[in-house]
Amino acid sequence: MIEILTDLPDGVIGFEAVGEVQGDDYKQVILPAAEEAAKAGDIRLVYVLGDRFTGYAASAGLMDAKLGLEHFTKWKKVAVVTDVEWMRHAVGAVSWLMPGEFKAFPLDKRADAIAWAAG
């Protein structure tokens, strides 16, 4: 499941992964929000994978790839907030493929991640 983060600065969208993330979570929550952000300008995203995150279904991986390709030139900043080590490494591994900036932050630096994405 994906929960929408509230109280973010203007121009920043944010989500927290809870439990196992499914492809429908992307379709119903993330893709519509990214579409709206792209219409308004650049996409600035904060994505939290905290203690309640348990993993991704295969369908979520496919939707994640689609999300990255949608509005390819609109991605400005993506902050991934997690202590999940493989996710932190994945951010570094794929960041060079995407326009814009991608950066991983530990969970205790969530506020810094939000400020960075907004900046």
PDB file of N, CA and C in Angstrom:
ATOM      1  N   MET A   1       0.841  -1.170   0.000  1.00  0.00           N
ATOM      2  CA  MET A   1       0.000   0.000   0.000  1.00  0.00           C
ATOM      3  C   MET A   1       0.895   1.245   0.000  1.00  0.00           C
ATOM      4  N   ILE A   2       0.361   2.297  -0.577  1.00  0.00           N
ATOM      5  CA  ILE A   2       1.048   3.585  -0.615  1.00  0.00           C
ATOM      6  C   ILE A   2       0.206   4.602   0.144  1.00  0.00           C
ATOM      7  N   GLU A   3       0.809   5.292   1.082  1.00  0.00           N
ATOM      8  CA  GLU A   3       0.141   6.377   1.795  1.00  0.00           C
ATOM      9  C   GLU A   3       0.693   7.705   1.292  1.00  0.00           C
ATOM     10  N   ILE A   4      -0.184   8.667   1.121  1.00  0.00           N
ATOM     11  CA  ILE A   4       0.214  10.005   0.678  1.00  0.00           C
ATOM     12  C   ILE A   4       0.758  10.767   1.874  1.00  0.00           C
ATOM     13  N   LEU A   5       1.916  11.393   1.699  1.00  0.00           N
ATOM     14  CA  LEU A   5       2.474  12.262   2.728  1.00  0.00           C
ATOM     15  C   LEU A   5       1.803  13.632   2.628  1.00  0.00           C
ATOM     16  N   THR A   6       1.461  14.176   3.770  1.00  0.00           N
ATOM     17  CA  THR A   6       0.835  15.494   3.801  1.00  0.00           C
ATOM     18  C   THR A   6       1.820  16.490   4.406  1.00  0.00           C
ATOM     19  N   ASP A   7       1.444  17.724   4.417  1.00  0.00           N
ATOM     20  CA  ASP A   7       2.265  18.803   4.989  1.00  0.00           C
ATOM     21  C   ASP A   7       3.631  18.918   4.324  1.00  0.00           C
ATOM     22  N   LEU A   8       3.647  18.748   3.007  1.00  0.00           N
ATOM     23  CA  LEU A   8       4.883  18.940   2.249  1.00  0.00           C
ATOM     24  C   LEU A   8       4.875  20.342   1.648  1.00  0.00           C
ATOM     25  N   PRO A   9       6.053  20.875   1.343  1.00  0.00           N
ATOM     26  CA  PRO A   9       6.108  22.190   0.701  1.00  0.00           C
ATOM     27  C   PRO A   9       5.392  22.173  -0.654  1.00  0.00           C
ATOM     28  N   ASP A  10       4.945  23.327  -1.085  1.00  0.00           N
ATOM     29  CA  ASP A  10       4.323  23.432  -2.405  1.00  0.00           C
ATOM     30  C   ASP A  10       5.266  22.897  -3.465  1.00  0.00           C
ATOM     31  N   GLY A  11       4.704  22.147  -4.394  1.00  0.00           N
ATOM     32  CA  GLY A  11       5.488  21.612  -5.497  1.00  0.00           C
ATOM     33  C   GLY A  11       6.157  20.279  -5.211  1.00  0.00           C
ATOM     34  N   VAL A  12       5.980  19.741  -4.016  1.00  0.00           N
ATOM     35  CA  VAL A  12       6.586  18.453  -3.660  1.00  0.00           C
ATOM     36  C   VAL A  12       5.462  17.458  -3.406  1.00  0.00           C
ATOM     37  N   ILE A  13       5.560  16.282  -4.040  1.00  0.00           N
ATOM     38  CA  ILE A  13       4.637  15.197  -3.744  1.00  0.00           C
ATOM     39  C   ILE A  13       5.386  14.148  -2.947  1.00  0.00           C
ATOM     40  N   GLY A  14       4.666  13.407  -2.115  1.00  0.00           N
ATOM     41  CA  GLY A  14       5.352  12.430  -1.282  1.00  0.00           C
ATOM     42  C   GLY A  14       4.472  11.261  -0.922  1.00  0.00           C
ATOM     43  N   PHE A  15       5.141  10.120  -0.723  1.00  0.00           N
ATOM     44  CA  PHE A  15       4.455   8.876  -0.434  1.00  0.00           C
ATOM     45  C   PHE A  15       5.278   8.054   0.538  1.00  0.00           C
ATOM     46  N   GLU A  16       4.570   7.182   1.271  1.00  0.00           N
ATOM     47  CA  GLU A  16       5.245   6.209   2.122  1.00  0.00           C
ATOM     48  C   GLU A  16       4.742   4.826   1.754  1.00  0.00           C
ATOM     49  N   ALA A  17       5.677   3.912   1.533  1.00  0.00           N
ATOM     50  CA  ALA A  17       5.341   2.515   1.236  1.00  0.00           C
ATOM     51  C   ALA A  17       5.048   1.803   2.551  1.00  0.00           C
ATOM     52  N   VAL A  18       3.912   1.101   2.585  1.00  0.00           N
ATOM     53  CA  VAL A  18       3.490   0.378   3.780  1.00  0.00           C
ATOM     54  C   VAL A  18       3.144  -1.053   3.374  1.00  0.00           C
ATOM     55  N   GLY A  19       3.714  -2.026   4.063  1.00  0.00           N
ATOM     56  CA  GLY A  19       3.466  -3.414   3.700  1.00  0.00           C
ATOM     57  C   GLY A  19       4.103  -3.724   2.363  1.00  0.00           C
ATOM     58  N   GLU A  20       3.445  -4.574   1.590  1.00  0.00           N
ATOM     59  CA  GLU A  20       3.941  -4.901   0.256  1.00  0.00           C
ATOM     60  C   GLU A  20       3.294  -3.977  -0.759  1.00  0.00           C
ATOM     61  N   VAL A  21       4.094  -3.329  -1.559  1.00  0.00           N
ATOM     62  CA  VAL A  21       3.610  -2.403  -2.575  1.00  0.00           C
ATOM     63  C   VAL A  21       3.220  -3.203  -3.818  1.00  0.00           C
ATOM     64  N   GLN A  22       2.020  -2.928  -4.313  1.00  0.00           N
ATOM     65  CA  GLN A  22       1.473  -3.601  -5.494  1.00  0.00           C
ATOM     66  C   GLN A  22       1.446  -2.649  -6.684  1.00  0.00           C
ATOM     67  N   GLY A  23       1.327  -3.186  -7.873  1.00  0.00           N
ATOM     68  CA  GLY A  23       1.213  -2.369  -9.070  1.00  0.00           C
ATOM     69  C   GLY A  23       0.023  -1.429  -9.023  1.00  0.00           C
ATOM     70  N   ASP A  24      -1.094  -1.895  -8.452  1.00  0.00           N
ATOM     71  CA  ASP A  24      -2.273  -1.043  -8.349  1.00  0.00           C
ATOM     72  C   ASP A  24      -2.031   0.174  -7.469  1.00  0.00           C
ATOM     73  N   ASP A  25      -1.118   0.066  -6.502  1.00  0.00           N
ATOM     74  CA  ASP A  25      -0.781   1.227  -5.671  1.00  0.00           C
ATOM     75  C   ASP A  25      -0.208   2.345  -6.533  1.00  0.00           C
ATOM     76  N   TYR A  26       0.625   1.968  -7.498  1.00  0.00           N
ATOM     77  CA  TYR A  26       1.174   2.956  -8.416  1.00  0.00           C
ATOM     78  C   TYR A  26       0.064   3.549  -9.275  1.00  0.00           C
ATOM     79  N   LYS A  27      -0.780   2.681  -9.831  1.00  0.00           N
ATOM     80  CA  LYS A  27      -1.850   3.135 -10.728  1.00  0.00           C
ATOM     81  C   LYS A  27      -2.820   4.071 -10.024  1.00  0.00           C
ATOM     82  N   GLN A  28      -3.171   3.755  -8.794  1.00  0.00           N
ATOM     83  CA  GLN A  28      -4.219   4.492  -8.098  1.00  0.00           C
ATOM     84  C   GLN A  28      -3.719   5.708  -7.330  1.00  0.00           C
ATOM     85  N   VAL A  29      -2.450   5.702  -6.919  1.00  0.00           N
ATOM     86  CA  VAL A  29      -1.964   6.785  -6.053  1.00  0.00           C
ATOM     87  C   VAL A  29      -0.810   7.568  -6.684  1.00  0.00           C
ATOM     88  N   ILE A  30       0.263   6.891  -7.020  1.00  0.00           N
ATOM     89  CA  ILE A  30       1.478   7.595  -7.443  1.00  0.00           C
ATOM     90  C   ILE A  30       1.357   8.182  -8.854  1.00  0.00           C
ATOM     91  N   LEU A  31       0.915   7.392  -9.821  1.00  0.00           N
ATOM     92  CA  LEU A  31       0.835   7.893 -11.191  1.00  0.00           C
ATOM     93  C   LEU A  31      -0.085   9.114 -11.325  1.00  0.00           C
ATOM     94  N   PRO A  32      -1.272   9.111 -10.724  1.00  0.00           N
ATOM     95  CA  PRO A  32      -2.101  10.326 -10.825  1.00  0.00           C
ATOM     96  C   PRO A  32      -1.435  11.554 -10.208  1.00  0.00           C
ATOM     97  N   ALA A  33      -0.768  11.382  -9.084  1.00  0.00           N
ATOM     98  CA  ALA A  33      -0.092  12.518  -8.444  1.00  0.00           C
ATOM     99  C   ALA A  33       1.073  13.018  -9.299  1.00  0.00           C
ATOM    100  N   ALA A  34       1.821  12.095  -9.885  1.00  0.00           N
ATOM    101  CA  ALA A  34       2.936  12.482 -10.757  1.00  0.00           C
ATOM    102  C   ALA A  34       2.415  13.208 -11.999  1.00  0.00           C
ATOM    103  N   GLU A  35       1.293  12.747 -12.513  1.00  0.00           N
ATOM    104  CA  GLU A  35       0.671  13.397 -13.673  1.00  0.00           C
ATOM    105  C   GLU A  35       0.303  14.846 -13.349  1.00  0.00           C
ATOM    106  N   GLU A  36      -0.301  15.059 -12.208  1.00  0.00           N
ATOM    107  CA  GLU A  36      -0.671  16.409 -11.790  1.00  0.00           C
ATOM    108  C   GLU A  36       0.558  17.286 -11.588  1.00  0.00           C
ATOM    109  N   ALA A  37       1.597  16.725 -10.960  1.00  0.00           N
ATOM    110  CA  ALA A  37       2.826  17.488 -10.741  1.00  0.00           C
ATOM    111  C   ALA A  37       3.464  17.865 -12.070  1.00  0.00           C
ATOM    112  N   ALA A  38       3.454  16.949 -13.029  1.00  0.00           N
ATOM    113  CA  ALA A  38       4.049  17.224 -14.343  1.00  0.00           C
ATOM    114  C   ALA A  38       3.300  18.343 -15.063  1.00  0.00           C
ATOM    115  N   LYS A  39       1.975  18.362 -14.918  1.00  0.00           N
ATOM    116  CA  LYS A  39       1.184  19.431 -15.534  1.00  0.00           C
ATOM    117  C   LYS A  39       1.536  20.794 -14.946  1.00  0.00           C
ATOM    118  N   ALA A  40       1.862  20.799 -13.657  1.00  0.00           N
ATOM    119  CA  ALA A  40       2.170  22.052 -12.958  1.00  0.00           C
ATOM    120  C   ALA A  40       3.620  22.490 -13.160  1.00  0.00           C
ATOM    121  N   GLY A  41       4.471  21.595 -13.619  1.00  0.00           N
ATOM    122  CA  GLY A  41       5.897  21.928 -13.789  1.00  0.00           C
ATOM    123  C   GLY A  41       6.750  20.700 -13.592  1.00  0.00           C
ATOM    124  N   ASP A  42       7.798  20.828 -12.801  1.00  0.00           N
ATOM    125  CA  ASP A  42       8.710  19.721 -12.536  1.00  0.00           C
ATOM    126  C   ASP A  42       8.151  18.801 -11.459  1.00  0.00           C
ATOM    127  N   ILE A  43       8.612  17.550 -11.487  1.00  0.00           N
ATOM    128  CA  ILE A  43       8.201  16.586 -10.471  1.00  0.00           C
ATOM    129  C   ILE A  43       9.289  16.525  -9.400  1.00  0.00           C
ATOM    130  N   ARG A  44       8.888  16.813  -8.182  1.00  0.00           N
ATOM    131  CA  ARG A  44       9.758  16.717  -7.006  1.00  0.00           C
ATOM    132  C   ARG A  44       9.077  15.729  -6.071  1.00  0.00           C
ATOM    133  N   LEU A  45       9.769  14.634  -5.769  1.00  0.00           N
ATOM    134  CA  LEU A  45       9.153  13.521  -5.074  1.00  0.00           C
ATOM    135  C   LEU A  45       9.954  13.114  -3.841  1.00  0.00           C
ATOM    136  N   VAL A  46       9.247  12.836  -2.756  1.00  0.00           N
ATOM    137  CA  VAL A  46       9.823  12.239  -1.551  1.00  0.00           C
ATOM    138  C   VAL A  46       9.143  10.883  -1.387  1.00  0.00           C
ATOM    139  N   TYR A  47       9.936   9.829  -1.305  1.00  0.00           N
ATOM    140  CA  TYR A  47       9.408   8.467  -1.206  1.00  0.00           C
ATOM    141  C   TYR A  47      10.034   7.797   0.002  1.00  0.00           C
ATOM    142  N   VAL A  48       9.201   7.465   0.980  1.00  0.00           N
ATOM    143  CA  VAL A  48       9.667   6.898   2.245  1.00  0.00           C
ATOM    144  C   VAL A  48       9.420   5.393   2.261  1.00  0.00           C
ATOM    145  N   LEU A  49      10.468   4.643   2.553  1.00  0.00           N
ATOM    146  CA  LEU A  49      10.380   3.197   2.749  1.00  0.00           C
ATOM    147  C   LEU A  49      10.896   2.929   4.160  1.00  0.00           C
ATOM    148  N   GLY A  50       9.966   2.979   5.107  1.00  0.00           N
ATOM    149  CA  GLY A  50      10.334   2.881   6.513  1.00  0.00           C
ATOM    150  C   GLY A  50      10.126   1.495   7.094  1.00  0.00           C
ATOM    151  N   ASP A  51       9.910   1.461   8.391  1.00  0.00           N
ATOM    152  CA  ASP A  51       9.784   0.202   9.126  1.00  0.00           C
ATOM    153  C   ASP A  51       8.554  -0.607   8.733  1.00  0.00           C
ATOM    154  N   ARG A  52       7.538   0.053   8.196  1.00  0.00           N
ATOM    155  CA  ARG A  52       6.319  -0.652   7.808  1.00  0.00           C
ATOM    156  C   ARG A  52       6.383  -1.241   6.401  1.00  0.00           C
ATOM    157  N   PHE A  53       7.421  -0.934   5.641  1.00  0.00           N
ATOM    158  CA  PHE A  53       7.608  -1.444   4.283  1.00  0.00           C
ATOM    159  C   PHE A  53       8.125  -2.875   4.347  1.00  0.00           C
ATOM    160  N   THR A  54       7.478  -3.783   3.585  1.00  0.00           N
ATOM    161  CA  THR A  54       7.923  -5.183   3.579  1.00  0.00           C
ATOM    162  C   THR A  54       8.433  -5.648   2.230  1.00  0.00           C
ATOM    163  N   GLY A  55       8.152  -4.920   1.153  1.00  0.00           N
ATOM    164  CA  GLY A  55       8.672  -5.323  -0.147  1.00  0.00           C
ATOM    165  C   GLY A  55       7.773  -4.909  -1.291  1.00  0.00           C
ATOM    166  N   TYR A  56       8.184  -5.339  -2.495  1.00  0.00           N
ATOM    167  CA  TYR A  56       7.455  -5.023  -3.721  1.00  0.00           C
ATOM    168  C   TYR A  56       6.941  -6.298  -4.367  1.00  0.00           C
ATOM    169  N   ALA A  57       5.719  -6.266  -4.862  1.00  0.00           N
ATOM    170  CA  ALA A  57       5.209  -7.317  -5.737  1.00  0.00           C
ATOM    171  C   ALA A  57       5.823  -7.094  -7.113  1.00  0.00           C
ATOM    172  N   ALA A  58       5.877  -8.139  -7.926  1.00  0.00           N
ATOM    173  CA  ALA A  58       6.443  -8.005  -9.272  1.00  0.00           C
ATOM    174  C   ALA A  58       5.721  -6.926 -10.072  1.00  0.00           C
ATOM    175  N   SER A  59       4.410  -6.825  -9.906  1.00  0.00           N
ATOM    176  CA  SER A  59       3.641  -5.817 -10.641  1.00  0.00           C
ATOM    177  C   SER A  59       4.071  -4.402 -10.278  1.00  0.00           C
ATOM    178  N   ALA A  60       4.555  -4.204  -9.063  1.00  0.00           N
ATOM    179  CA  ALA A  60       5.016  -2.878  -8.644  1.00  0.00           C
ATOM    180  C   ALA A  60       6.301  -2.502  -9.363  1.00  0.00           C
ATOM    181  N   GLY A  61       7.160  -3.472  -9.595  1.00  0.00           N
ATOM    182  CA  GLY A  61       8.400  -3.196 -10.318  1.00  0.00           C
ATOM    183  C   GLY A  61       8.142  -2.704 -11.731  1.00  0.00           C
ATOM    184  N   LEU A  62       7.159  -3.305 -12.378  1.00  0.00           N
ATOM    185  CA  LEU A  62       6.800  -2.876 -13.732  1.00  0.00           C
ATOM    186  C   LEU A  62       6.229  -1.465 -13.724  1.00  0.00           C
ATOM    187  N   MET A  63       5.390  -1.183 -12.744  1.00  0.00           N
ATOM    188  CA  MET A  63       4.800   0.153 -12.654  1.00  0.00           C
ATOM    189  C   MET A  63       5.846   1.190 -12.263  1.00  0.00           C
ATOM    190  N   ASP A  64       6.845   0.796 -11.476  1.00  0.00           N
ATOM    191  CA  ASP A  64       7.917   1.709 -11.106  1.00  0.00           C
ATOM    192  C   ASP A  64       8.695   2.122 -12.354  1.00  0.00           C
ATOM    193  N   ALA A  65       8.961   1.155 -13.225  1.00  0.00           N
ATOM    194  CA  ALA A  65       9.653   1.465 -14.474  1.00  0.00           C
ATOM    195  C   ALA A  65       8.816   2.418 -15.332  1.00  0.00           C
ATOM    196  N   LYS A  66       7.509   2.170 -15.398  1.00  0.00           N
ATOM    197  CA  LYS A  66       6.627   3.050 -16.167  1.00  0.00           C
ATOM    198  C   LYS A  66       6.628   4.453 -15.577  1.00  0.00           C
ATOM    199  N   LEU A  67       6.589   4.532 -14.253  1.00  0.00           N
ATOM    200  CA  LEU A  67       6.606   5.830 -13.589  1.00  0.00           C
ATOM    201  C   LEU A  67       7.854   6.619 -13.985  1.00  0.00           C
ATOM    202  N   GLY A  68       8.993   5.944 -14.030  1.00  0.00           N
ATOM    203  CA  GLY A  68      10.234   6.625 -14.390  1.00  0.00           C
ATOM    204  C   GLY A  68      10.233   7.153 -15.813  1.00  0.00           C
ATOM    205  N   LEU A  69       9.559   6.440 -16.704  1.00  0.00           N
ATOM    206  CA  LEU A  69       9.532   6.851 -18.104  1.00  0.00           C
ATOM    207  C   LEU A  69       8.456   7.883 -18.406  1.00  0.00           C
ATOM    208  N   GLU A  70       7.390   7.881 -17.611  1.00  0.00           N
ATOM    209  CA  GLU A  70       6.345   8.879 -17.798  1.00  0.00           C
ATOM    210  C   GLU A  70       6.936  10.269 -17.516  1.00  0.00           C
ATOM    211  N   HIS A  71       6.688  11.190 -18.389  1.00  0.00           N
ATOM    212  CA  HIS A  71       7.162  12.569 -18.200  1.00  0.00           C
ATOM    213  C   HIS A  71       8.668  12.600 -17.927  1.00  0.00           C
ATOM    214  N   PHE A  72       9.402  11.845 -18.707  1.00  0.00           N
ATOM    215  CA  PHE A  72      10.830  11.625 -18.502  1.00  0.00           C
ATOM    216  C   PHE A  72      11.596  12.913 -18.224  1.00  0.00           C
ATOM    217  N   THR A  73      11.290  13.964 -18.936  1.00  0.00           N
ATOM    218  CA  THR A  73      12.048  15.211 -18.773  1.00  0.00           C
ATOM    219  C   THR A  73      11.552  16.070 -17.622  1.00  0.00           C
ATOM    220  N   LYS A  74      10.472  15.681 -16.967  1.00  0.00           N
ATOM    221  CA  LYS A  74       9.884  16.473 -15.885  1.00  0.00           C
ATOM    222  C   LYS A  74      10.479  16.161 -14.511  1.00  0.00           C
ATOM    223  N   TRP A  75      11.203  15.069 -14.376  1.00  0.00           N
ATOM    224  CA  TRP A  75      11.756  14.690 -13.076  1.00  0.00           C
ATOM    225  C   TRP A  75      12.851  15.669 -12.673  1.00  0.00           C
ATOM    226  N   LYS A  76      12.649  16.349 -11.555  1.00  0.00           N
ATOM    227  CA  LYS A  76      13.607  17.345 -11.062  1.00  0.00           C
ATOM    228  C   LYS A  76      14.425  16.777  -9.900  1.00  0.00           C
ATOM    229  N   LYS A  77      13.724  16.338  -8.833  1.00  0.00           N
ATOM    230  CA  LYS A  77      14.409  15.777  -7.668  1.00  0.00           C
ATOM    231  C   LYS A  77      13.572  14.635  -7.086  1.00  0.00           C
ATOM    232  N   VAL A  78      14.263  13.556  -6.751  1.00  0.00           N
ATOM    233  CA  VAL A  78      13.626  12.419  -6.089  1.00  0.00           C
ATOM    234  C   VAL A  78      14.457  12.082  -4.863  1.00  0.00           C
ATOM    235  N   ALA A  79      13.833  12.195  -3.700  1.00  0.00           N
ATOM    236  CA  ALA A  79      14.482  11.842  -2.434  1.00  0.00           C
ATOM    237  C   ALA A  79      13.872  10.533  -1.945  1.00  0.00           C
ATOM    238  N   VAL A  80      14.708   9.514  -1.820  1.00  0.00           N
ATOM    239  CA  VAL A  80      14.270   8.223  -1.290  1.00  0.00           C
ATOM    240  C   VAL A  80      14.760   8.157   0.151  1.00  0.00           C
ATOM    241  N   VAL A  81      13.818   8.014   1.071  1.00  0.00           N
ATOM    242  CA  VAL A  81      14.132   8.031   2.502  1.00  0.00           C
ATOM    243  C   VAL A  81      13.975   6.617   3.031  1.00  0.00           C
ATOM    244  N   THR A  82      15.093   5.998   3.382  1.00  0.00           N
ATOM    245  CA  THR A  82      15.041   4.602   3.802  1.00  0.00           C
ATOM    246  C   THR A  82      16.321   4.179   4.508  1.00  0.00           C
ATOM    247  N   ASP A  83      16.168   3.186   5.347  1.00  0.00           N
ATOM    248  CA  ASP A  83      17.320   2.499   5.933  1.00  0.00           C
ATOM    249  C   ASP A  83      17.502   1.124   5.293  1.00  0.00           C
ATOM    250  N   VAL A  84      16.676   0.808   4.282  1.00  0.00           N
ATOM    251  CA  VAL A  84      16.787  -0.453   3.557  1.00  0.00           C
ATOM    252  C   VAL A  84      17.999  -0.332   2.633  1.00  0.00           C
ATOM    253  N   GLU A  85      19.034  -1.069   2.957  1.00  0.00           N
ATOM    254  CA  GLU A  85      20.321  -0.897   2.285  1.00  0.00           C
ATOM    255  C   GLU A  85      20.245  -1.136   0.774  1.00  0.00           C
ATOM    256  N   TRP A  86      19.524  -2.169   0.335  1.00  0.00           N
ATOM    257  CA  TRP A  86      19.474  -2.444  -1.106  1.00  0.00           C
ATOM    258  C   TRP A  86      18.776  -1.322  -1.860  1.00  0.00           C
ATOM    259  N   MET A  87      17.826  -0.653  -1.207  1.00  0.00           N
ATOM    260  CA  MET A  87      17.156   0.472  -1.857  1.00  0.00           C
ATOM    261  C   MET A  87      18.099   1.669  -1.979  1.00  0.00           C
ATOM    262  N   ARG A  88      18.884   1.899  -0.946  1.00  0.00           N
ATOM    263  CA  ARG A  88      19.846   3.010  -0.994  1.00  0.00           C
ATOM    264  C   ARG A  88      20.850   2.788  -2.136  1.00  0.00           C
ATOM    265  N   HIS A  89      21.293   1.548  -2.311  1.00  0.00           N
ATOM    266  CA  HIS A  89      22.218   1.232  -3.403  1.00  0.00           C
ATOM    267  C   HIS A  89      21.527   1.341  -4.759  1.00  0.00           C
ATOM    268  N   ALA A  90      20.268   0.923  -4.825  1.00  0.00           N
ATOM    269  CA  ALA A  90      19.526   0.997  -6.086  1.00  0.00           C
ATOM    270  C   ALA A  90      19.377   2.437  -6.550  1.00  0.00           C
ATOM    271  N   VAL A  91      19.161   3.353  -5.616  1.00  0.00           N
ATOM    272  CA  VAL A  91      19.041   4.772  -5.980  1.00  0.00           C
ATOM    273  C   VAL A  91      20.319   5.235  -6.678  1.00  0.00           C
ATOM    274  N   GLY A  92      21.448   4.888  -6.108  1.00  0.00           N
ATOM    275  CA  GLY A  92      22.714   5.273  -6.721  1.00  0.00           C
ATOM    276  C   GLY A  92      22.949   4.605  -8.060  1.00  0.00           C
ATOM    277  N   ALA A  93      22.513   3.364  -8.171  1.00  0.00           N
ATOM    278  CA  ALA A  93      22.747   2.605  -9.398  1.00  0.00           C
ATOM    279  C   ALA A  93      21.922   3.114 -10.574  1.00  0.00           C
ATOM    280  N   VAL A  94      20.704   3.578 -10.334  1.00  0.00           N
ATOM    281  CA  VAL A  94      19.846   4.007 -11.441  1.00  0.00           C
ATOM    282  C   VAL A  94      19.788   5.518 -11.616  1.00  0.00           C
ATOM    283  N   SER A  95      20.331   6.257 -10.689  1.00  0.00           N
ATOM    284  CA  SER A  95      20.205   7.722 -10.759  1.00  0.00           C
ATOM    285  C   SER A  95      20.825   8.302 -12.023  1.00  0.00           C
ATOM    286  N   TRP A  96      21.850   7.699 -12.539  1.00  0.00           N
ATOM    287  CA  TRP A  96      22.497   8.237 -13.732  1.00  0.00           C
ATOM    288  C   TRP A  96      21.648   8.031 -14.994  1.00  0.00           C
ATOM    289  N   LEU A  97      20.638   7.144 -14.917  1.00  0.00           N
ATOM    290  CA  LEU A  97      19.774   6.892 -16.069  1.00  0.00           C
ATOM    291  C   LEU A  97      18.695   7.955 -16.248  1.00  0.00           C
ATOM    292  N   MET A  98      18.405   8.668 -15.199  1.00  0.00           N
ATOM    293  CA  MET A  98      17.271   9.585 -15.198  1.00  0.00           C
ATOM    294  C   MET A  98      17.746  11.042 -15.210  1.00  0.00           C
ATOM    295  N   PRO A  99      16.954  11.888 -15.854  1.00  0.00           N
ATOM    296  CA  PRO A  99      17.264  13.312 -15.724  1.00  0.00           C
ATOM    297  C   PRO A  99      16.917  13.756 -14.305  1.00  0.00           C
ATOM    298  N   GLY A 100      17.389  14.869 -13.917  1.00  0.00           N
ATOM    299  CA  GLY A 100      17.116  15.331 -12.553  1.00  0.00           C
ATOM    300  C   GLY A 100      18.057  14.680 -11.568  1.00  0.00           C
ATOM    301  N   GLU A 101      17.801  14.938 -10.295  1.00  0.00           N
ATOM    302  CA  GLU A 101      18.662  14.442  -9.233  1.00  0.00           C
ATOM    303  C   GLU A 101      17.923  13.406  -8.394  1.00  0.00           C
ATOM    304  N   PHE A 102      18.619  12.351  -8.050  1.00  0.00           N
ATOM    305  CA  PHE A 102      18.101  11.318  -7.167  1.00  0.00           C
ATOM    306  C   PHE A 102      19.069  11.219  -5.990  1.00  0.00           C
ATOM    307  N   LYS A 103      18.510  11.133  -4.799  1.00  0.00           N
ATOM    308  CA  LYS A 103      19.362  11.065  -3.625  1.00  0.00           C
ATOM    309  C   LYS A 103      18.680  10.225  -2.552  1.00  0.00           C
ATOM    310  N   ALA A 104      19.461   9.383  -1.881  1.00  0.00           N
ATOM    311  CA  ALA A 104      18.953   8.569  -0.777  1.00  0.00           C
ATOM    312  C   ALA A 104      19.284   9.238   0.544  1.00  0.00           C
ATOM    313  N   PHE A 105      18.351   9.161   1.477  1.00  0.00           N
ATOM    314  CA  PHE A 105      18.504   9.712   2.822  1.00  0.00           C
ATOM    315  C   PHE A 105      18.129   8.630   3.835  1.00  0.00           C
ATOM    316  N   PRO A 106      18.812   8.580   4.978  1.00  0.00           N
ATOM    317  CA  PRO A 106      18.378   7.659   6.037  1.00  0.00           C
ATOM    318  C   PRO A 106      17.065   8.155   6.654  1.00  0.00           C
ATOM    319  N   LEU A 107      16.353   7.253   7.302  1.00  0.00           N
ATOM    320  CA  LEU A 107      15.055   7.610   7.882  1.00  0.00           C
ATOM    321  C   LEU A 107      15.130   8.778   8.846  1.00  0.00           C
ATOM    322  N   ASP A 108      16.209   8.867   9.604  1.00  0.00           N
ATOM    323  CA  ASP A 108      16.302   9.954  10.584  1.00  0.00           C
ATOM    324  C   ASP A 108      16.601  11.317   9.944  1.00  0.00           C
ATOM    325  N   LYS A 109      16.751  11.343   8.626  1.00  0.00           N
ATOM    326  CA  LYS A 109      16.985  12.598   7.892  1.00  0.00           C
ATOM    327  C   LYS A 109      15.809  12.934   6.968  1.00  0.00           C
ATOM    328  N   ARG A 110      14.624  12.472   7.339  1.00  0.00           N
ATOM    329  CA  ARG A 110      13.425  12.699   6.524  1.00  0.00           C
ATOM    330  C   ARG A 110      13.185  14.204   6.274  1.00  0.00           C
ATOM    331  N   ALA A 111      13.314  15.017   7.296  1.00  0.00           N
ATOM    332  CA  ALA A 111      13.115  16.457   7.137  1.00  0.00           C
ATOM    333  C   ALA A 111      14.134  17.040   6.150  1.00  0.00           C
ATOM    334  N   ASP A 112      15.364  16.559   6.204  1.00  0.00           N
ATOM    335  CA  ASP A 112      16.396  17.023   5.266  1.00  0.00           C
ATOM    336  C   ASP A 112      16.035  16.616   3.837  1.00  0.00           C
ATOM    337  N   ALA A 113      15.484  15.422   3.674  1.00  0.00           N
ATOM    338  CA  ALA A 113      15.082  14.941   2.356  1.00  0.00           C
ATOM    339  C   ALA A 113      13.979  15.816   1.768  1.00  0.00           C
ATOM    340  N   ILE A 114      13.021  16.168   2.596  1.00  0.00           N
ATOM    341  CA  ILE A 114      11.924  17.028   2.150  1.00  0.00           C
ATOM    342  C   ILE A 114      12.452  18.404   1.746  1.00  0.00           C
ATOM    343  N   ALA A 115      13.336  18.968   2.553  1.00  0.00           N
ATOM    344  CA  ALA A 115      13.912  20.276   2.239  1.00  0.00           C
ATOM    345  C   ALA A 115      14.730  20.216   0.963  1.00  0.00           C
ATOM    346  N   TRP A 116      15.479  19.145   0.774  1.00  0.00           N
ATOM    347  CA  TRP A 116      16.289  18.988  -0.445  1.00  0.00           C
ATOM    348  C   TRP A 116      15.389  18.899  -1.674  1.00  0.00           C
ATOM    349  N   ALA A 117      14.336  18.095  -1.593  1.00  0.00           N
ATOM    350  CA  ALA A 117      13.429  17.944  -2.727  1.00  0.00           C
ATOM    351  C   ALA A 117      12.760  19.271  -3.080  1.00  0.00           C
ATOM    352  N   ALA A 118      12.457  20.064  -2.086  1.00  0.00           N
ATOM    353  CA  ALA A 118      11.799  21.350  -2.313  1.00  0.00           C
ATOM    354  C   ALA A 118      12.750  22.408  -2.858  1.00  0.00           C
ATOM    355  N   GLY A 119      14.037  22.260  -2.585  1.00  0.00           N
ATOM    356  CA  GLY A 119      15.025  23.279  -2.954  1.00  0.00           C
ATOM    357  C   GLY A 119      15.377  23.335  -4.405  1.00  0.00           C
TER     358      GLY A 119
END
